Protein backbone atom coordinates (compact mmCIF):
# COMPACT_ATOMS: atom_id res chain seq x y z
CA UNK A 1 -18.26 5.74 -19.84
CA UNK A 2 -15.16 7.56 -18.72
CA UNK A 3 -14.76 10.13 -15.77
CA UNK A 4 -11.48 11.35 -14.42
CA UNK A 5 -10.73 12.88 -11.06
CA UNK A 6 -7.49 14.64 -9.62
CA UNK A 7 -7.46 16.76 -6.63
CA UNK A 8 -5.26 19.95 -7.03
CA UNK A 9 -1.59 18.49 -7.45
CA UNK A 10 0.80 18.86 -4.14
CA UNK A 11 4.16 19.58 -4.60
CA UNK A 12 6.13 16.86 -6.54
CA UNK A 13 3.24 14.30 -6.07
CA UNK A 14 0.12 13.25 -7.16
CA UNK A 15 -2.93 10.78 -6.96
CA UNK A 16 -5.07 10.50 -10.07
CA UNK A 17 -8.35 8.62 -10.68
CA UNK A 18 -10.21 7.57 -13.65
CA UNK A 19 -13.15 5.28 -14.28
CA UNK A 20 -13.62 3.54 -17.92
CA UNK A 21 -15.58 0.41 -18.70
CA UNK A 22 -16.53 -0.45 -14.90
CA UNK A 23 -12.84 -0.19 -13.81
CA UNK A 24 -11.81 2.38 -11.39
CA UNK A 25 -7.82 3.23 -11.62
CA UNK A 26 -6.14 5.21 -9.12
CA UNK A 27 -2.53 6.06 -9.50
CA UNK A 28 -0.09 7.58 -7.22
CA UNK A 29 3.14 9.17 -7.87
CA UNK A 30 6.03 11.07 -6.24
CA UNK A 31 9.69 11.80 -7.89
CA UNK A 32 11.42 10.38 -4.70
CA UNK A 33 10.69 6.61 -5.36
CA UNK A 34 6.98 7.11 -5.52
CA UNK A 35 7.24 7.52 -1.82
CA UNK A 36 3.94 8.88 0.31
CA UNK A 37 3.64 11.91 2.52
CA UNK A 38 1.03 12.48 4.55
CA UNK A 39 -1.07 14.53 2.20
CA UNK A 40 -0.95 11.91 -0.68
CA UNK A 41 -1.77 9.20 1.94
CA UNK A 42 -4.71 10.89 2.86
CA UNK A 43 -5.72 11.46 -0.79
CA UNK A 44 -5.04 7.99 -1.77
CA UNK A 45 -7.25 6.54 1.03
CA UNK A 46 -9.99 9.11 0.33
CA UNK A 47 -9.96 8.49 -3.35
CA UNK A 48 -10.04 4.43 -2.63
CA UNK A 49 -13.18 5.13 -0.37
CA UNK A 50 -14.66 6.98 -3.40
CA UNK A 51 -14.03 4.84 -5.68
CA UNK A 52 -15.54 1.98 -3.46
CA UNK A 53 -18.94 3.80 -2.88
CA UNK A 54 -19.08 4.69 -6.90
CA UNK A 55 -21.35 1.96 -8.53
CA UNK A 56 -19.63 2.69 -12.10
CA UNK A 57 -16.34 1.35 -10.59
CA UNK A 58 -17.13 -2.37 -10.09
CA UNK A 59 -13.26 -2.94 -9.68
CA UNK A 60 -10.41 -0.91 -8.32
CA UNK A 61 -6.99 -1.17 -9.77
CA UNK A 62 -4.19 0.52 -7.57
CA UNK A 63 -1.00 1.33 -9.30
CA UNK A 64 2.08 3.91 -9.15
CA UNK A 65 3.72 6.05 -11.63
CA UNK A 66 6.66 5.30 -14.05
CA UNK A 67 8.89 2.15 -14.50
CA UNK A 68 11.01 2.44 -11.37
CA UNK A 69 10.07 1.46 -7.86
CA UNK A 70 6.45 0.61 -6.70
CA UNK A 71 6.84 2.84 -3.68
CA UNK A 72 9.54 3.57 -1.47
CA UNK A 73 7.22 3.58 1.71
CA UNK A 74 6.71 6.55 3.83
CA UNK A 75 8.33 9.92 2.83
CA UNK A 76 11.45 9.96 4.62
CA UNK A 77 11.74 13.75 4.81
CA UNK A 78 8.36 13.84 6.48
CA UNK A 79 9.18 11.01 8.87
CA UNK A 80 12.44 12.56 9.81
CA UNK A 81 10.36 15.85 10.66
CA UNK A 82 8.05 14.62 13.47
CA UNK A 83 8.46 16.50 16.52
CA UNK A 84 5.54 15.26 18.75
CA UNK A 85 3.92 11.90 19.61
CA UNK A 86 0.64 13.48 18.31
CA UNK A 87 2.22 14.47 14.78
CA UNK A 88 3.81 10.97 14.79
CA UNK A 89 0.64 9.17 15.39
CA UNK A 90 -1.16 11.21 12.66
CA UNK A 91 1.62 10.52 10.23
CA UNK A 92 1.20 6.82 10.71
CA UNK A 93 -2.30 6.66 10.66
CA UNK A 94 -2.15 7.89 6.80
CA UNK A 95 -1.22 3.98 6.02
CA UNK A 96 -3.74 2.82 8.48
CA UNK A 97 -6.63 5.01 6.49
CA UNK A 98 -5.15 3.54 3.11
CA UNK A 99 -5.31 -0.02 4.34
CA UNK A 100 -8.81 0.08 5.77
CA UNK A 101 -10.19 2.05 2.49
CA UNK A 102 -8.85 -1.07 0.49
CA UNK A 103 -9.91 -3.76 2.55
CA UNK A 104 -13.33 -2.17 3.29
CA UNK A 105 -14.19 -1.34 -0.33
CA UNK A 106 -17.19 -3.58 -1.22
CA UNK A 107 -15.27 -4.57 -4.58
CA UNK A 108 -11.81 -6.24 -5.17
CA UNK A 109 -8.89 -4.02 -5.16
CA UNK A 110 -6.33 -5.34 -7.78
CA UNK A 111 -2.69 -3.78 -7.47
CA UNK A 112 -0.12 -3.45 -9.96
CA UNK A 113 3.41 -3.98 -8.85
CA UNK A 114 5.76 -2.96 -11.32
CA UNK A 115 9.09 -2.46 -8.98
CA UNK A 116 10.77 -2.57 -5.61
CA UNK A 117 8.24 -2.14 -2.66
CA UNK A 118 9.47 -1.04 0.81
CA UNK A 119 8.17 -0.51 4.21
CA UNK A 120 4.54 0.70 4.12
CA UNK A 121 4.37 -0.08 0.51
CA UNK A 122 4.50 -3.85 1.30
CA UNK A 123 1.45 -2.94 3.45
CA UNK A 124 -0.63 -1.32 0.52
CA UNK A 125 0.10 -4.69 -1.44
CA UNK A 126 -0.83 -6.75 1.48
CA UNK A 127 -4.21 -5.06 1.61
CA UNK A 128 -4.90 -5.77 -2.10
CA UNK A 129 -7.19 -8.63 -2.85
CA UNK A 130 -4.98 -9.74 -5.56
CA UNK A 131 -1.47 -8.24 -6.75
CA UNK A 132 0.29 -9.02 -9.80
CA UNK A 133 3.89 -8.02 -10.02
CA UNK A 134 7.29 -8.34 -12.26
CA UNK A 135 10.48 -9.90 -11.07
CA UNK A 136 11.58 -6.59 -10.20
CA UNK A 137 9.14 -6.15 -7.47
CA UNK A 138 11.14 -7.24 -4.58
CA UNK A 139 10.07 -6.37 -1.06
CA UNK A 140 11.45 -5.03 1.89
CA UNK A 141 10.31 -4.30 5.78
CA UNK A 142 12.74 -1.42 6.34
CA UNK A 143 11.48 0.12 9.52
CA UNK A 144 13.69 -1.60 12.07
CA UNK A 145 16.64 -0.15 9.99
CA UNK A 146 15.65 3.34 11.15
CA UNK A 147 14.86 2.24 14.53
CA UNK A 148 11.17 1.41 14.72
CA UNK A 149 9.09 -1.47 13.36
CA UNK A 150 6.32 -2.25 11.09
CA UNK A 151 3.63 -1.91 13.76
CA UNK A 152 0.81 -0.30 11.43
CA UNK A 153 1.32 -2.47 8.02
CA UNK A 154 2.71 -5.55 9.96
CA UNK A 155 -0.95 -5.98 10.92
CA UNK A 156 -1.81 -6.66 7.17
CA UNK A 157 1.38 -8.28 6.03
CA UNK A 158 1.29 -10.79 8.82
CA UNK A 159 -2.39 -11.80 7.71
CA UNK A 160 -1.26 -11.89 3.99
CA UNK A 161 2.13 -13.63 4.20
CA UNK A 162 1.92 -15.56 7.72
CA UNK A 163 3.34 -14.91 10.93
CA UNK A 164 6.71 -16.65 10.44
CA UNK A 165 7.73 -14.74 7.16
CA UNK A 166 6.22 -11.64 8.75
CA UNK A 167 8.63 -12.15 11.63
CA UNK A 168 11.74 -12.87 9.40
CA UNK A 169 11.01 -9.81 7.30
CA UNK A 170 10.61 -7.56 10.22
CA UNK A 171 13.62 -8.75 11.99
CA UNK A 172 16.50 -8.72 9.39
CA UNK A 173 15.05 -5.65 7.29
CA UNK A 174 16.49 -7.50 4.10
CA UNK A 175 15.31 -7.68 0.70
CA UNK A 176 13.05 -10.50 -0.47
CA UNK A 177 12.75 -11.18 -4.26
CA UNK A 178 9.60 -11.33 -6.21
CA UNK A 179 9.61 -14.96 -6.38
CA UNK A 180 9.81 -15.01 -2.31
CA UNK A 181 6.73 -12.84 -2.77
CA UNK A 182 4.81 -15.16 -5.02
CA UNK A 183 5.69 -18.06 -2.80
CA UNK A 184 4.36 -16.63 0.37
CA UNK A 185 1.28 -14.95 -1.20
CA UNK A 186 2.07 -11.32 -1.27
CA UNK A 187 1.84 -11.57 -5.11
CA UNK A 188 -0.95 -13.73 -6.88
CA UNK A 189 0.88 -14.06 -9.96
CA UNK A 190 4.49 -12.68 -11.54
CA UNK A 191 4.53 -11.48 -15.35
CA UNK A 192 7.96 -11.42 -17.08
CA UNK A 193 7.92 -7.67 -17.70
CA UNK A 194 5.77 -4.41 -17.38
CA UNK A 195 4.09 -5.18 -21.04
CA UNK A 196 3.06 -8.63 -19.76
CA UNK A 197 2.25 -7.20 -16.58
CA UNK A 198 -0.26 -4.52 -17.92
CA UNK A 199 -2.08 -6.89 -20.25
CA UNK A 200 -2.57 -9.30 -17.28
CA UNK A 201 -3.95 -6.48 -15.05
CA UNK A 202 -6.19 -5.18 -17.92
CA UNK A 203 -7.52 -8.66 -18.70
CA UNK A 204 -8.15 -9.54 -15.14
CA UNK A 205 -9.81 -6.04 -14.37
CA UNK A 206 -12.05 -6.53 -17.46
CA UNK A 207 -13.50 -9.71 -16.33
CA UNK A 208 -13.77 -8.59 -12.92
CA UNK A 209 -15.82 -5.78 -14.23
CA UNK A 210 -18.14 -8.11 -16.06
CA UNK A 211 -18.68 -10.17 -12.93
CA UNK A 212 -21.46 -10.37 -10.35
CA UNK A 213 -20.99 -7.26 -8.15
CA UNK A 214 -22.82 -9.15 -5.11
CA UNK A 215 -20.90 -12.18 -5.37
CA UNK A 216 -17.52 -10.32 -5.45
CA UNK A 217 -18.83 -8.12 -2.44
CA UNK A 218 -19.60 -11.36 -0.60
CA UNK A 219 -16.36 -12.85 -1.40
CA UNK A 220 -14.34 -9.59 -0.19
CA UNK A 221 -16.26 -9.98 3.04
CA UNK A 222 -15.13 -13.38 3.48
CA UNK A 223 -11.62 -12.59 2.44
CA UNK A 224 -11.17 -9.85 5.35
CA UNK A 225 -13.21 -11.67 7.89
CA UNK A 226 -11.61 -11.08 11.43
CA UNK A 227 -10.48 -7.56 10.58
CA UNK A 228 -13.64 -6.02 12.12
CA UNK A 229 -11.79 -4.61 15.24
CA UNK A 230 -9.00 -3.11 13.05
CA UNK A 231 -9.70 0.51 13.48
CA UNK A 232 -8.82 0.70 17.11
CA UNK A 233 -5.84 -1.77 16.81
CA UNK A 234 -4.51 0.26 13.81
CA UNK A 235 -5.04 3.61 15.85
CA UNK A 236 -2.98 1.95 18.80
CA UNK A 237 -0.42 0.73 16.31
CA UNK A 238 -0.02 4.45 15.12
CA UNK A 239 0.15 5.69 18.31
CA UNK A 240 3.17 3.37 19.26
CA UNK A 241 5.13 4.17 16.09
CA UNK A 242 4.31 7.86 16.83
CA UNK A 243 6.09 7.78 20.06
CA UNK A 244 8.96 5.44 18.96
CA UNK A 245 10.09 7.68 16.20
CA UNK A 246 10.87 10.23 18.88
CA UNK A 247 13.42 8.20 20.71
CA UNK A 248 16.83 9.05 21.00
CA UNK A 249 17.97 5.67 19.35
CA UNK A 250 15.42 6.44 16.24
CA UNK A 251 17.02 9.91 15.98
CA UNK A 252 20.28 8.77 15.71
CA UNK A 253 19.44 5.94 13.36
CA UNK A 254 17.84 8.46 11.32
CA UNK A 255 20.72 10.97 11.21
CA UNK A 256 23.08 8.03 10.07
CA UNK A 257 20.68 7.11 7.60
CA UNK A 258 20.68 10.36 6.02
CA UNK A 259 24.33 10.65 5.69
CA UNK A 260 24.79 7.35 3.85
């Protein structure tokens, strides 16, 4: 059985989902490096939540469009236009909602990473239960470079890769290659190219779709034990980011970044 769902497209970006053979696939896309403005973050979170509640989807695959970057993280244009702490907290809460939808879904979330992942994108990968990538999938926590910090996504990144590697990524804001990501658990497997990646994602998704849903749901609870209080924690982190983005230091960093 197959069904497809897509809300009305937003300018220059979209989130599309479909279910076939027990596999629920959600794809987000944006012409600016598959970046995520607030409206796409809200739609992505809702789509993952809906797939998690749909018994026809026994496993969820998250992917992005095209063969370039996996995701450039938060939309820089929207990030730069924030004018109040409340608006900032709402924007950063977009990543909180996606992370919570992924870890609370009672089924495994498999993420396909074909290219670079920056900032919030590293949080999405970290919130997966299993991520597969190509050698092009270097990762970077870029927040300090624009005057803030990875406060929201850092919650799940630290849990995925460990406190030491997370601290290093946060401090130098430099690119880590895909092999680094595999060594530190960000990626479960690396495949040599996109064709091999697609084959591996499809094979794993089909295997999981034929597996015991109750066993997978219980394993999922085991994986994410200790995150029960994350809703208020992530809300607090989003508010912190929302205040910090208004600082004079951050405004200067953003202005300098835009002139590069």
